[in-house]
N, C-alpha and C. Protein backbone atom coordinates (compact mmCIF):
# COMPACT_ATOMS: atom_id res chain seq x y z
N VAL A 1 0.82 -1.19 0.01
CA VAL A 1 0.00 0.00 -0.01
C VAL A 1 0.88 1.26 0.00
N GLY A 2 1.93 1.23 0.82
CA GLY A 2 2.88 2.36 0.84
C GLY A 2 3.50 2.61 -0.49
N CYS A 3 3.88 1.57 -1.20
CA CYS A 3 4.48 1.73 -2.53
C CYS A 3 3.46 2.32 -3.52
N GLN A 4 2.22 1.92 -3.41
CA GLN A 4 1.19 2.45 -4.30
C GLN A 4 0.93 3.94 -3.99
N GLN A 5 0.97 4.32 -2.72
CA GLN A 5 0.77 5.70 -2.37
C GLN A 5 1.94 6.57 -2.87
N ALA A 6 3.12 6.00 -2.88
CA ALA A 6 4.30 6.75 -3.30
C ALA A 6 4.58 6.64 -4.81
N GLY A 7 3.88 5.73 -5.48
CA GLY A 7 4.11 5.53 -6.90
C GLY A 7 5.47 4.96 -7.21
N CYS A 8 5.94 3.98 -6.37
CA CYS A 8 7.28 3.42 -6.56
C CYS A 8 7.22 1.89 -6.54
N ALA A 9 8.36 1.25 -6.91
CA ALA A 9 8.48 -0.18 -6.90
C ALA A 9 9.41 -0.61 -5.78
N LEU A 10 9.17 -1.76 -5.12
CA LEU A 10 10.03 -2.28 -4.08
C LEU A 10 11.13 -3.13 -4.71
N LEU A 11 12.40 -2.68 -4.47
CA LEU A 11 13.52 -3.37 -5.17
C LEU A 11 14.48 -4.05 -4.26
N GLY A 12 14.65 -3.61 -3.01
CA GLY A 12 15.70 -4.23 -2.17
C GLY A 12 15.47 -3.95 -0.69
N GLY A 13 16.57 -3.98 0.10
CA GLY A 13 16.41 -3.83 1.55
C GLY A 13 17.59 -3.19 2.22
N GLU A 14 17.49 -3.00 3.51
CA GLU A 14 18.56 -2.44 4.34
C GLU A 14 18.56 -3.11 5.70
N THR A 15 19.52 -2.79 6.56
CA THR A 15 19.58 -3.38 7.88
C THR A 15 19.18 -2.31 8.89
N ALA A 16 18.62 -2.75 10.00
CA ALA A 16 18.23 -1.82 11.08
C ALA A 16 18.32 -2.54 12.40
N GLU A 17 18.77 -1.85 13.44
CA GLU A 17 18.84 -2.39 14.81
C GLU A 17 17.48 -2.19 15.45
N MET A 18 16.89 -3.29 15.93
CA MET A 18 15.58 -3.21 16.61
C MET A 18 15.62 -4.09 17.85
N PRO A 19 16.27 -3.61 18.92
CA PRO A 19 16.42 -4.44 20.12
C PRO A 19 15.10 -4.89 20.69
N GLY A 20 15.05 -6.12 21.08
CA GLY A 20 13.85 -6.66 21.71
C GLY A 20 12.78 -7.11 20.75
N PHE A 21 13.02 -7.01 19.49
CA PHE A 21 11.97 -7.36 18.50
C PHE A 21 12.24 -8.71 17.87
N TYR A 22 13.44 -8.96 17.44
CA TYR A 22 13.77 -10.22 16.77
C TYR A 22 14.37 -11.21 17.72
N PRO A 23 14.02 -12.50 17.65
CA PRO A 23 14.71 -13.53 18.46
C PRO A 23 16.14 -13.67 18.03
N ALA A 24 16.98 -14.22 18.87
CA ALA A 24 18.42 -14.41 18.57
C ALA A 24 18.56 -15.22 17.27
N GLY A 25 19.43 -14.73 16.39
CA GLY A 25 19.70 -15.44 15.15
C GLY A 25 18.72 -15.11 14.04
N GLU A 26 17.73 -14.27 14.29
CA GLU A 26 16.79 -13.94 13.27
C GLU A 26 17.07 -12.56 12.67
N TYR A 27 16.67 -12.33 11.42
CA TYR A 27 16.86 -11.05 10.78
C TYR A 27 15.72 -10.79 9.82
N ASP A 28 15.61 -9.55 9.35
CA ASP A 28 14.55 -9.18 8.46
C ASP A 28 15.11 -8.39 7.31
N LEU A 29 14.47 -8.43 6.18
CA LEU A 29 14.82 -7.60 5.02
C LEU A 29 13.78 -6.52 4.88
N ALA A 30 14.25 -5.26 4.78
CA ALA A 30 13.35 -4.13 4.70
C ALA A 30 13.60 -3.30 3.44
N GLY A 31 12.66 -2.49 3.06
CA GLY A 31 12.78 -1.75 1.81
C GLY A 31 13.58 -0.46 1.98
N PHE A 32 14.09 0.06 0.87
CA PHE A 32 14.74 1.37 0.86
C PHE A 32 14.32 2.07 -0.44
N CYS A 33 14.61 3.34 -0.55
CA CYS A 33 14.16 4.10 -1.71
C CYS A 33 15.33 4.52 -2.57
N VAL A 34 15.20 4.46 -3.87
CA VAL A 34 16.17 4.97 -4.80
C VAL A 34 15.48 5.95 -5.72
N GLY A 35 16.06 7.14 -5.84
CA GLY A 35 15.42 8.18 -6.67
C GLY A 35 16.36 8.68 -7.77
N LEU A 36 15.77 9.29 -8.74
CA LEU A 36 16.54 9.88 -9.85
C LEU A 36 16.11 11.33 -10.01
N VAL A 37 17.12 12.23 -10.06
CA VAL A 37 16.79 13.63 -10.19
C VAL A 37 17.85 14.31 -11.06
N GLU A 38 17.44 15.27 -11.86
CA GLU A 38 18.41 16.04 -12.63
C GLU A 38 19.26 16.86 -11.68
N ARG A 39 20.55 16.99 -11.99
CA ARG A 39 21.48 17.67 -11.07
C ARG A 39 21.04 19.08 -10.73
N GLU A 40 20.52 19.80 -11.73
CA GLU A 40 20.13 21.19 -11.47
C GLU A 40 18.88 21.30 -10.59
N ARG A 41 18.19 20.19 -10.34
CA ARG A 41 17.00 20.22 -9.52
C ARG A 41 17.21 19.61 -8.11
N LEU A 42 18.48 19.31 -7.82
CA LEU A 42 18.80 18.72 -6.51
C LEU A 42 18.45 19.67 -5.38
N LEU A 43 17.80 19.15 -4.37
CA LEU A 43 17.55 19.93 -3.13
C LEU A 43 18.64 19.58 -2.11
N ASP A 44 19.77 20.22 -2.24
CA ASP A 44 20.91 19.92 -1.40
C ASP A 44 21.16 20.95 -0.31
N GLY A 45 20.22 21.91 -0.15
CA GLY A 45 20.34 22.90 0.91
C GLY A 45 21.07 24.20 0.49
N HIS A 46 21.60 24.24 -0.70
CA HIS A 46 22.40 25.42 -1.09
C HIS A 46 21.52 26.68 -1.24
N LEU A 47 20.22 26.50 -1.43
CA LEU A 47 19.32 27.62 -1.57
C LEU A 47 18.84 28.20 -0.21
N VAL A 48 19.03 27.42 0.84
CA VAL A 48 18.55 27.84 2.17
C VAL A 48 19.35 28.99 2.68
N GLY A 49 18.68 30.03 3.21
CA GLY A 49 19.38 31.19 3.69
C GLY A 49 18.64 31.84 4.86
N PRO A 50 19.29 32.76 5.57
CA PRO A 50 18.64 33.45 6.69
C PRO A 50 17.34 34.10 6.29
N GLY A 51 16.33 34.00 7.14
CA GLY A 51 15.04 34.57 6.86
C GLY A 51 14.06 33.62 6.22
N ASP A 52 14.55 32.52 5.66
CA ASP A 52 13.65 31.52 5.15
C ASP A 52 12.75 30.96 6.24
N LYS A 53 11.56 30.61 5.88
CA LYS A 53 10.61 30.04 6.82
C LYS A 53 10.62 28.51 6.79
N ILE A 54 10.39 27.93 7.97
CA ILE A 54 10.42 26.50 8.13
C ILE A 54 8.95 25.99 8.26
N LEU A 55 8.54 25.14 7.35
CA LEU A 55 7.21 24.59 7.41
C LEU A 55 7.22 23.18 7.98
N GLY A 56 6.32 22.87 8.85
CA GLY A 56 6.19 21.52 9.38
C GLY A 56 4.96 20.87 8.80
N LEU A 57 5.11 19.71 8.18
CA LEU A 57 4.00 18.95 7.61
C LEU A 57 3.61 17.85 8.58
N ALA A 58 2.32 17.78 8.89
CA ALA A 58 1.87 16.90 9.96
C ALA A 58 2.12 15.42 9.68
N SER A 59 2.53 14.74 10.74
CA SER A 59 2.66 13.27 10.67
C SER A 59 1.32 12.67 11.06
N SER A 60 1.13 11.39 10.80
CA SER A 60 -0.09 10.68 11.19
C SER A 60 0.02 10.10 12.61
N GLY A 61 1.23 10.21 13.19
CA GLY A 61 1.47 9.62 14.48
C GLY A 61 2.96 9.27 14.61
N LEU A 62 3.27 8.14 15.15
CA LEU A 62 4.64 7.75 15.41
C LEU A 62 5.41 7.45 14.11
N HIS A 63 4.68 7.13 13.07
CA HIS A 63 5.32 6.61 11.82
C HIS A 63 6.11 5.36 12.19
N SER A 64 7.33 5.21 11.83
CA SER A 64 8.05 3.92 12.11
C SER A 64 9.24 4.11 13.01
N ASN A 65 9.22 5.14 13.82
CA ASN A 65 10.43 5.45 14.60
C ASN A 65 10.17 5.42 16.08
N GLY A 66 11.18 4.94 16.85
CA GLY A 66 11.11 4.95 18.28
C GLY A 66 10.43 3.77 18.91
N PHE A 67 10.22 2.70 18.15
CA PHE A 67 9.40 1.60 18.67
C PHE A 67 10.13 0.74 19.68
N SER A 68 11.45 0.76 19.71
CA SER A 68 12.16 0.05 20.79
C SER A 68 11.80 0.70 22.14
N LEU A 69 11.75 2.03 22.16
CA LEU A 69 11.37 2.74 23.37
C LEU A 69 9.89 2.59 23.64
N VAL A 70 9.04 2.63 22.61
CA VAL A 70 7.58 2.43 22.79
C VAL A 70 7.32 1.09 23.40
N ARG A 71 7.90 0.02 22.88
CA ARG A 71 7.64 -1.29 23.43
C ARG A 71 8.12 -1.40 24.87
N LYS A 72 9.22 -0.77 25.23
CA LYS A 72 9.72 -0.81 26.58
C LYS A 72 8.75 -0.10 27.51
N ILE A 73 8.22 1.06 27.11
CA ILE A 73 7.28 1.79 27.89
C ILE A 73 6.00 0.97 28.11
N VAL A 74 5.49 0.41 27.01
CA VAL A 74 4.23 -0.36 27.08
C VAL A 74 4.42 -1.59 27.99
N GLU A 75 5.57 -2.24 27.83
CA GLU A 75 5.85 -3.45 28.64
C GLU A 75 5.98 -3.09 30.10
N THR A 76 6.75 -2.03 30.44
CA THR A 76 6.97 -1.66 31.81
C THR A 76 5.69 -1.20 32.48
N ALA A 77 4.84 -0.48 31.75
CA ALA A 77 3.60 0.02 32.32
C ALA A 77 2.48 -0.99 32.24
N GLN A 78 2.77 -2.13 31.63
CA GLN A 78 1.77 -3.23 31.47
C GLN A 78 0.49 -2.69 30.84
N VAL A 79 0.65 -2.01 29.73
CA VAL A 79 -0.50 -1.45 29.02
C VAL A 79 -1.22 -2.53 28.20
N ASP A 80 -2.53 -2.54 28.27
CA ASP A 80 -3.35 -3.41 27.44
C ASP A 80 -3.52 -2.72 26.09
N LEU A 81 -2.94 -3.31 25.06
CA LEU A 81 -3.01 -2.69 23.72
C LEU A 81 -4.44 -2.65 23.15
N HIS A 82 -5.33 -3.44 23.72
CA HIS A 82 -6.72 -3.47 23.25
C HIS A 82 -7.62 -2.47 24.01
N SER A 83 -7.04 -1.80 24.99
CA SER A 83 -7.82 -0.85 25.78
C SER A 83 -8.00 0.44 24.97
N PRO A 84 -9.04 1.21 25.22
CA PRO A 84 -9.28 2.48 24.49
C PRO A 84 -8.16 3.47 24.78
N PHE A 85 -7.69 4.14 23.72
CA PHE A 85 -6.70 5.22 23.95
C PHE A 85 -7.45 6.41 24.53
N PRO A 86 -6.92 7.10 25.54
CA PRO A 86 -7.61 8.16 26.21
C PRO A 86 -8.12 9.24 25.27
N GLY A 87 -9.43 9.49 25.32
CA GLY A 87 -10.02 10.55 24.51
C GLY A 87 -10.27 10.20 23.09
N GLN A 88 -10.05 8.94 22.68
CA GLN A 88 -10.27 8.54 21.29
C GLN A 88 -11.05 7.26 21.21
N LYS A 89 -11.64 6.99 20.03
CA LYS A 89 -12.41 5.79 19.79
C LYS A 89 -11.49 4.60 19.41
N MET A 90 -10.20 4.89 19.10
CA MET A 90 -9.25 3.88 18.73
C MET A 90 -8.65 3.19 19.95
N THR A 91 -8.17 1.98 19.82
CA THR A 91 -7.43 1.31 20.91
C THR A 91 -6.00 1.82 20.96
N VAL A 92 -5.32 1.56 22.05
CA VAL A 92 -3.92 1.94 22.16
C VAL A 92 -3.12 1.31 21.05
N GLY A 93 -3.34 0.07 20.75
CA GLY A 93 -2.61 -0.58 19.68
C GLY A 93 -2.85 0.04 18.32
N GLU A 94 -4.07 0.42 18.05
CA GLU A 94 -4.37 1.10 16.79
C GLU A 94 -3.72 2.44 16.67
N VAL A 95 -3.65 3.19 17.78
CA VAL A 95 -2.99 4.50 17.73
C VAL A 95 -1.48 4.33 17.52
N LEU A 96 -0.89 3.37 18.23
CA LEU A 96 0.56 3.17 18.10
C LEU A 96 0.94 2.71 16.68
N LEU A 97 0.04 1.98 16.05
CA LEU A 97 0.37 1.43 14.74
C LEU A 97 -0.36 2.15 13.59
N THR A 98 -0.75 3.40 13.84
CA THR A 98 -1.36 4.18 12.74
C THR A 98 -0.38 4.25 11.57
N PRO A 99 -0.83 3.91 10.35
CA PRO A 99 0.08 3.88 9.20
C PRO A 99 0.78 5.22 8.95
N THR A 100 2.00 5.15 8.49
CA THR A 100 2.82 6.34 8.21
C THR A 100 2.21 7.15 7.04
N ARG A 101 2.19 8.44 7.23
CA ARG A 101 1.76 9.32 6.11
C ARG A 101 2.84 9.32 5.06
N ILE A 102 2.46 9.15 3.79
CA ILE A 102 3.41 9.17 2.70
C ILE A 102 3.31 10.51 1.99
N TYR A 103 4.42 11.24 1.86
CA TYR A 103 4.40 12.60 1.36
C TYR A 103 4.77 12.74 -0.11
N VAL A 104 5.10 11.63 -0.73
CA VAL A 104 5.69 11.73 -2.09
C VAL A 104 4.84 12.50 -3.08
N LYS A 105 3.59 12.17 -3.19
CA LYS A 105 2.77 12.81 -4.23
C LYS A 105 2.52 14.29 -3.95
N SER A 106 2.33 14.63 -2.66
CA SER A 106 2.11 16.05 -2.35
C SER A 106 3.38 16.87 -2.59
N VAL A 107 4.56 16.32 -2.26
CA VAL A 107 5.79 16.98 -2.49
C VAL A 107 6.06 17.13 -3.97
N LEU A 108 5.84 16.09 -4.74
CA LEU A 108 6.02 16.19 -6.20
C LEU A 108 5.11 17.26 -6.82
N ALA A 109 3.88 17.30 -6.32
CA ALA A 109 2.96 18.34 -6.79
C ALA A 109 3.47 19.72 -6.48
N PHE A 110 4.05 19.88 -5.31
CA PHE A 110 4.62 21.16 -4.92
C PHE A 110 5.78 21.56 -5.84
N LEU A 111 6.63 20.56 -6.12
CA LEU A 111 7.79 20.82 -6.98
C LEU A 111 7.36 21.20 -8.39
N ARG A 112 6.21 20.73 -8.81
CA ARG A 112 5.71 21.06 -10.14
C ARG A 112 4.97 22.39 -10.18
N SER A 113 4.70 22.94 -9.02
CA SER A 113 4.00 24.21 -8.92
C SER A 113 4.97 25.36 -9.14
N ASP A 114 4.45 26.59 -9.06
CA ASP A 114 5.29 27.78 -9.22
C ASP A 114 5.90 28.24 -7.90
N LEU A 115 5.62 27.52 -6.82
CA LEU A 115 6.12 27.92 -5.50
C LEU A 115 7.56 27.41 -5.32
N PRO A 116 8.48 28.27 -4.83
CA PRO A 116 9.89 27.81 -4.65
C PRO A 116 10.03 26.96 -3.41
N LEU A 117 10.97 26.01 -3.50
CA LEU A 117 11.32 25.14 -2.39
C LEU A 117 12.80 25.14 -2.19
N HIS A 118 13.26 25.53 -1.02
CA HIS A 118 14.71 25.62 -0.76
C HIS A 118 15.30 24.41 -0.09
N GLY A 119 14.50 23.65 0.62
CA GLY A 119 15.01 22.47 1.31
C GLY A 119 13.87 21.62 1.80
N LEU A 120 14.21 20.32 2.01
CA LEU A 120 13.23 19.34 2.40
C LEU A 120 13.91 18.33 3.29
N ALA A 121 13.34 18.06 4.46
CA ALA A 121 13.92 17.06 5.39
C ALA A 121 12.82 16.12 5.87
N HIS A 122 13.04 14.82 5.68
CA HIS A 122 12.11 13.81 6.15
C HIS A 122 12.45 13.57 7.64
N ILE A 123 11.47 13.73 8.54
CA ILE A 123 11.71 13.60 9.96
C ILE A 123 11.49 12.16 10.38
N THR A 124 12.58 11.42 10.48
CA THR A 124 12.55 10.01 10.84
C THR A 124 13.25 9.86 12.20
N GLY A 125 13.98 8.74 12.39
CA GLY A 125 14.70 8.55 13.63
C GLY A 125 15.63 9.68 13.94
N GLY A 126 15.62 10.16 15.15
CA GLY A 126 16.42 11.34 15.51
C GLY A 126 15.61 12.62 15.57
N GLY A 127 14.38 12.55 15.05
CA GLY A 127 13.48 13.69 15.14
C GLY A 127 13.96 14.95 14.44
N LEU A 128 13.42 16.06 14.86
CA LEU A 128 13.79 17.37 14.29
C LEU A 128 15.27 17.67 14.52
N LEU A 129 15.77 17.30 15.69
CA LEU A 129 17.13 17.69 16.06
C LEU A 129 18.18 17.11 15.15
N GLU A 130 18.00 15.92 14.64
CA GLU A 130 19.02 15.27 13.82
C GLU A 130 18.75 15.37 12.34
N ASN A 131 17.49 15.54 11.92
CA ASN A 131 17.18 15.48 10.50
C ASN A 131 17.19 16.85 9.81
N VAL A 132 16.71 17.90 10.48
CA VAL A 132 16.70 19.24 9.86
C VAL A 132 18.09 19.76 9.55
N PRO A 133 19.10 19.54 10.41
CA PRO A 133 20.45 20.06 10.08
C PRO A 133 21.03 19.53 8.80
N ARG A 134 20.53 18.44 8.28
CA ARG A 134 21.08 17.81 7.06
C ARG A 134 20.87 18.75 5.84
N ILE A 135 19.95 19.71 5.94
CA ILE A 135 19.73 20.62 4.82
C ILE A 135 20.14 22.04 5.13
N LEU A 136 20.99 22.18 6.17
CA LEU A 136 21.46 23.53 6.54
C LEU A 136 22.92 23.67 6.19
N ARG A 137 23.29 24.79 5.55
CA ARG A 137 24.70 25.04 5.28
C ARG A 137 25.35 25.50 6.60
N PRO A 138 26.69 25.35 6.68
CA PRO A 138 27.40 25.85 7.87
C PRO A 138 27.08 27.30 8.17
N GLY A 139 26.86 27.63 9.43
CA GLY A 139 26.54 29.03 9.79
C GLY A 139 25.07 29.31 9.83
N LEU A 140 24.22 28.31 9.58
CA LEU A 140 22.75 28.50 9.60
C LEU A 140 22.14 27.61 10.66
N CYS A 141 21.16 28.15 11.36
CA CYS A 141 20.46 27.43 12.44
C CYS A 141 18.96 27.49 12.16
N ALA A 142 18.29 26.39 12.43
CA ALA A 142 16.83 26.33 12.35
C ALA A 142 16.27 26.64 13.69
N GLN A 143 15.65 27.82 13.81
CA GLN A 143 15.00 28.20 15.07
C GLN A 143 13.54 27.84 14.99
N ILE A 144 13.15 26.85 15.77
CA ILE A 144 11.79 26.29 15.72
C ILE A 144 11.05 26.58 17.00
N GLU A 145 9.82 27.05 16.87
CA GLU A 145 9.04 27.45 18.03
C GLU A 145 8.13 26.33 18.48
N ARG A 146 8.33 25.87 19.72
CA ARG A 146 7.44 24.84 20.27
C ARG A 146 6.01 25.49 20.40
N GLY A 147 5.04 24.67 20.18
CA GLY A 147 3.67 25.16 20.27
C GLY A 147 3.14 25.77 18.97
N SER A 148 3.99 25.84 17.98
CA SER A 148 3.53 26.42 16.68
C SER A 148 2.78 25.36 15.84
N TRP A 149 2.78 24.13 16.29
CA TRP A 149 1.99 23.06 15.63
C TRP A 149 1.34 22.21 16.71
N GLN A 150 0.34 21.45 16.31
CA GLN A 150 -0.36 20.59 17.23
C GLN A 150 0.05 19.17 17.03
N ALA A 151 0.72 18.57 17.99
CA ALA A 151 1.18 17.20 17.87
C ALA A 151 0.06 16.22 18.29
N PRO A 152 0.01 15.05 17.68
CA PRO A 152 -0.97 14.04 18.09
C PRO A 152 -0.77 13.72 19.57
N PRO A 153 -1.82 13.38 20.28
CA PRO A 153 -1.74 13.11 21.72
C PRO A 153 -0.87 11.93 22.10
N VAL A 154 -0.54 11.05 21.15
CA VAL A 154 0.25 9.88 21.48
C VAL A 154 1.62 10.24 22.04
N PHE A 155 2.16 11.40 21.63
CA PHE A 155 3.51 11.76 22.09
C PHE A 155 3.46 12.18 23.55
N GLY A 156 2.48 12.98 23.92
CA GLY A 156 2.34 13.36 25.34
C GLY A 156 2.03 12.17 26.20
N TRP A 157 1.23 11.27 25.68
CA TRP A 157 0.86 10.03 26.41
C TRP A 157 2.09 9.20 26.70
N LEU A 158 2.96 9.04 25.71
CA LEU A 158 4.19 8.27 25.89
C LEU A 158 5.14 8.97 26.88
N GLN A 159 5.20 10.28 26.76
CA GLN A 159 6.08 11.04 27.67
C GLN A 159 5.66 10.85 29.10
N GLU A 160 4.36 10.95 29.37
CA GLU A 160 3.86 10.83 30.73
C GLU A 160 3.98 9.40 31.23
N LEU A 161 3.60 8.45 30.37
CA LEU A 161 3.65 7.04 30.77
C LEU A 161 5.07 6.56 31.03
N GLY A 162 6.02 7.04 30.18
CA GLY A 162 7.40 6.61 30.34
C GLY A 162 8.26 7.55 31.18
N GLN A 163 7.64 8.68 31.65
CA GLN A 163 8.35 9.68 32.40
C GLN A 163 9.62 10.12 31.66
N LEU A 164 9.41 10.47 30.39
CA LEU A 164 10.52 10.81 29.51
C LEU A 164 10.87 12.27 29.64
N GLU A 165 12.18 12.56 29.63
CA GLU A 165 12.62 13.95 29.56
C GLU A 165 12.33 14.50 28.17
N GLN A 166 12.11 15.80 28.06
CA GLN A 166 11.77 16.42 26.79
C GLN A 166 12.86 16.11 25.76
N ARG A 167 14.10 16.14 26.15
CA ARG A 167 15.22 15.91 25.21
C ARG A 167 15.11 14.51 24.57
N VAL A 168 14.73 13.53 25.38
CA VAL A 168 14.59 12.14 24.87
C VAL A 168 13.45 12.11 23.86
N LEU A 169 12.35 12.79 24.13
CA LEU A 169 11.24 12.85 23.22
C LEU A 169 11.65 13.48 21.89
N ASP A 170 12.38 14.59 21.99
CA ASP A 170 12.81 15.35 20.81
C ASP A 170 13.79 14.52 19.94
N GLU A 171 14.62 13.71 20.59
CA GLU A 171 15.61 12.97 19.85
C GLU A 171 15.13 11.66 19.31
N THR A 172 13.92 11.24 19.71
CA THR A 172 13.45 9.90 19.33
C THR A 172 12.29 9.92 18.37
N PHE A 173 11.35 10.85 18.57
CA PHE A 173 10.12 10.86 17.81
C PHE A 173 9.98 12.06 16.88
N ASN A 174 9.05 11.93 15.92
CA ASN A 174 8.86 13.10 15.01
C ASN A 174 8.04 14.21 15.60
N GLN A 175 7.44 13.98 16.77
CA GLN A 175 6.71 15.02 17.50
C GLN A 175 5.58 15.61 16.72
N GLY A 176 5.05 14.85 15.77
CA GLY A 176 3.88 15.32 15.00
C GLY A 176 4.22 15.92 13.69
N LEU A 177 5.47 15.95 13.32
CA LEU A 177 5.93 16.50 12.02
C LEU A 177 6.71 15.48 11.26
N GLY A 178 6.13 14.96 10.16
CA GLY A 178 6.82 13.92 9.41
C GLY A 178 7.72 14.44 8.30
N MET A 179 7.53 15.70 7.95
CA MET A 179 8.37 16.32 6.91
C MET A 179 8.53 17.83 7.21
N VAL A 180 9.69 18.36 6.91
CA VAL A 180 9.94 19.80 7.06
C VAL A 180 10.36 20.37 5.72
N ALA A 181 9.74 21.46 5.37
CA ALA A 181 10.10 22.17 4.10
C ALA A 181 10.57 23.57 4.45
N ILE A 182 11.60 24.03 3.74
CA ILE A 182 12.11 25.39 3.94
C ILE A 182 11.84 26.17 2.67
N VAL A 183 11.15 27.31 2.84
CA VAL A 183 10.71 28.13 1.72
C VAL A 183 11.00 29.59 1.98
N PRO A 184 11.00 30.45 0.94
CA PRO A 184 11.14 31.89 1.17
C PRO A 184 10.00 32.40 2.05
N ALA A 185 10.30 33.41 2.87
CA ALA A 185 9.27 33.98 3.75
C ALA A 185 8.05 34.46 2.98
N ALA A 186 8.30 35.04 1.83
CA ALA A 186 7.19 35.64 1.05
C ALA A 186 6.16 34.64 0.57
N THR A 187 6.57 33.35 0.45
CA THR A 187 5.61 32.35 -0.05
C THR A 187 5.25 31.32 1.00
N ALA A 188 5.58 31.60 2.26
CA ALA A 188 5.32 30.60 3.34
C ALA A 188 3.84 30.32 3.49
N ALA A 189 2.98 31.35 3.55
CA ALA A 189 1.57 31.13 3.73
C ALA A 189 0.94 30.39 2.53
N ALA A 190 1.35 30.76 1.34
CA ALA A 190 0.85 30.09 0.14
C ALA A 190 1.29 28.63 0.10
N SER A 191 2.50 28.39 0.57
CA SER A 191 3.04 27.00 0.62
C SER A 191 2.23 26.14 1.56
N VAL A 192 1.92 26.66 2.75
CA VAL A 192 1.11 25.91 3.70
C VAL A 192 -0.26 25.61 3.09
N ALA A 193 -0.85 26.61 2.44
CA ALA A 193 -2.16 26.41 1.80
C ALA A 193 -2.09 25.36 0.72
N PHE A 194 -1.01 25.37 -0.05
CA PHE A 194 -0.85 24.35 -1.14
C PHE A 194 -0.87 22.96 -0.54
N PHE A 195 -0.05 22.74 0.48
CA PHE A 195 0.03 21.36 1.08
C PHE A 195 -1.31 20.98 1.67
N GLU A 196 -2.01 21.91 2.27
CA GLU A 196 -3.32 21.59 2.85
C GLU A 196 -4.32 21.19 1.75
N GLU A 197 -4.21 21.82 0.57
CA GLU A 197 -5.05 21.44 -0.52
C GLU A 197 -4.73 20.02 -1.01
N GLN A 198 -3.50 19.59 -0.77
CA GLN A 198 -3.07 18.24 -1.12
C GLN A 198 -3.44 17.22 -0.02
N GLY A 199 -4.09 17.69 1.03
CA GLY A 199 -4.51 16.82 2.12
C GLY A 199 -3.45 16.65 3.21
N VAL A 200 -2.45 17.53 3.23
CA VAL A 200 -1.41 17.42 4.24
C VAL A 200 -1.43 18.69 5.09
N PRO A 201 -1.94 18.63 6.32
CA PRO A 201 -1.94 19.83 7.17
C PRO A 201 -0.54 20.27 7.48
N GLY A 202 -0.34 21.58 7.58
CA GLY A 202 0.99 22.09 7.87
C GLY A 202 0.90 23.43 8.60
N ALA A 203 2.05 23.93 8.99
CA ALA A 203 2.14 25.21 9.72
C ALA A 203 3.54 25.79 9.59
N VAL A 204 3.66 27.10 9.68
CA VAL A 204 4.99 27.72 9.77
C VAL A 204 5.47 27.51 11.19
N ILE A 205 6.57 26.82 11.38
CA ILE A 205 7.06 26.48 12.70
C ILE A 205 8.34 27.18 13.12
N GLY A 206 8.95 27.93 12.22
CA GLY A 206 10.16 28.59 12.57
C GLY A 206 10.84 29.32 11.44
N THR A 207 12.07 29.79 11.73
CA THR A 207 12.81 30.58 10.79
C THR A 207 14.28 30.16 10.73
N VAL A 208 14.91 30.27 9.61
CA VAL A 208 16.33 30.00 9.47
C VAL A 208 17.08 31.28 9.87
N VAL A 209 18.00 31.18 10.79
CA VAL A 209 18.73 32.31 11.34
C VAL A 209 20.24 32.01 11.31
N PRO A 210 21.08 33.05 11.28
CA PRO A 210 22.53 32.79 11.41
C PRO A 210 22.85 32.20 12.79
N GLY A 211 23.83 31.29 12.80
CA GLY A 211 24.20 30.68 14.06
C GLY A 211 24.89 29.35 13.84
N GLU A 212 25.18 28.68 14.95
CA GLU A 212 25.79 27.36 14.88
C GLU A 212 24.83 26.41 14.20
N THR A 213 25.34 25.62 13.28
CA THR A 213 24.51 24.71 12.49
C THR A 213 23.75 23.74 13.40
N GLY A 214 22.46 23.70 13.31
CA GLY A 214 21.68 22.77 14.12
C GLY A 214 20.25 23.27 14.25
N VAL A 215 19.56 22.76 15.28
CA VAL A 215 18.18 23.14 15.55
C VAL A 215 18.10 23.68 16.95
N LYS A 216 17.44 24.84 17.09
CA LYS A 216 17.20 25.45 18.36
C LYS A 216 15.72 25.48 18.58
N LEU A 217 15.25 24.75 19.57
CA LEU A 217 13.82 24.72 19.90
C LEU A 217 13.56 25.74 20.99
N VAL A 218 12.69 26.70 20.73
CA VAL A 218 12.48 27.83 21.63
C VAL A 218 10.99 27.88 22.03
């Protein structure tokens, strides 16, 4: 289903460490993505500059990251996966396993539009802190404002249940943002509107500023 949503073919696999999931001596083959792009259309971060706005595109939930920690929290707290998730009609298991939002078609539509795109970061393992810096040139910092987007309640639920420090949460989960786009300030509002028309909610979550390369959550 994921391949159909992305319009791609499954060709091969990669390795991943998943403590506590596979029995001793067992392994799994997983998919990876290969893309083709003309050199002049590469999004390598060279267009990103001070004053650019940072857009956060909503995730559907945990996506596929942090599950070693999720399983540990669920096991330690002895959570019944079939019990109702607080405030929702779904069970805890259904919320934790909500399918990952696939952004391929909405991003390709954006690239075909007249709106400029300076950078794009998929927020996977490592969260905002580790993935956004990949598209920042030296001397640029992503200043992101907490509270500028609404995260799904599963993240707060896990933090409370596991008594997690904020830093652990930030370094492990996507925090409700599965993709980050960097665009000129002048087209930020139009860019958010475009993605929402594509069925992907988004918000302006910060600004690119001069500084030490990385992410500053304020």
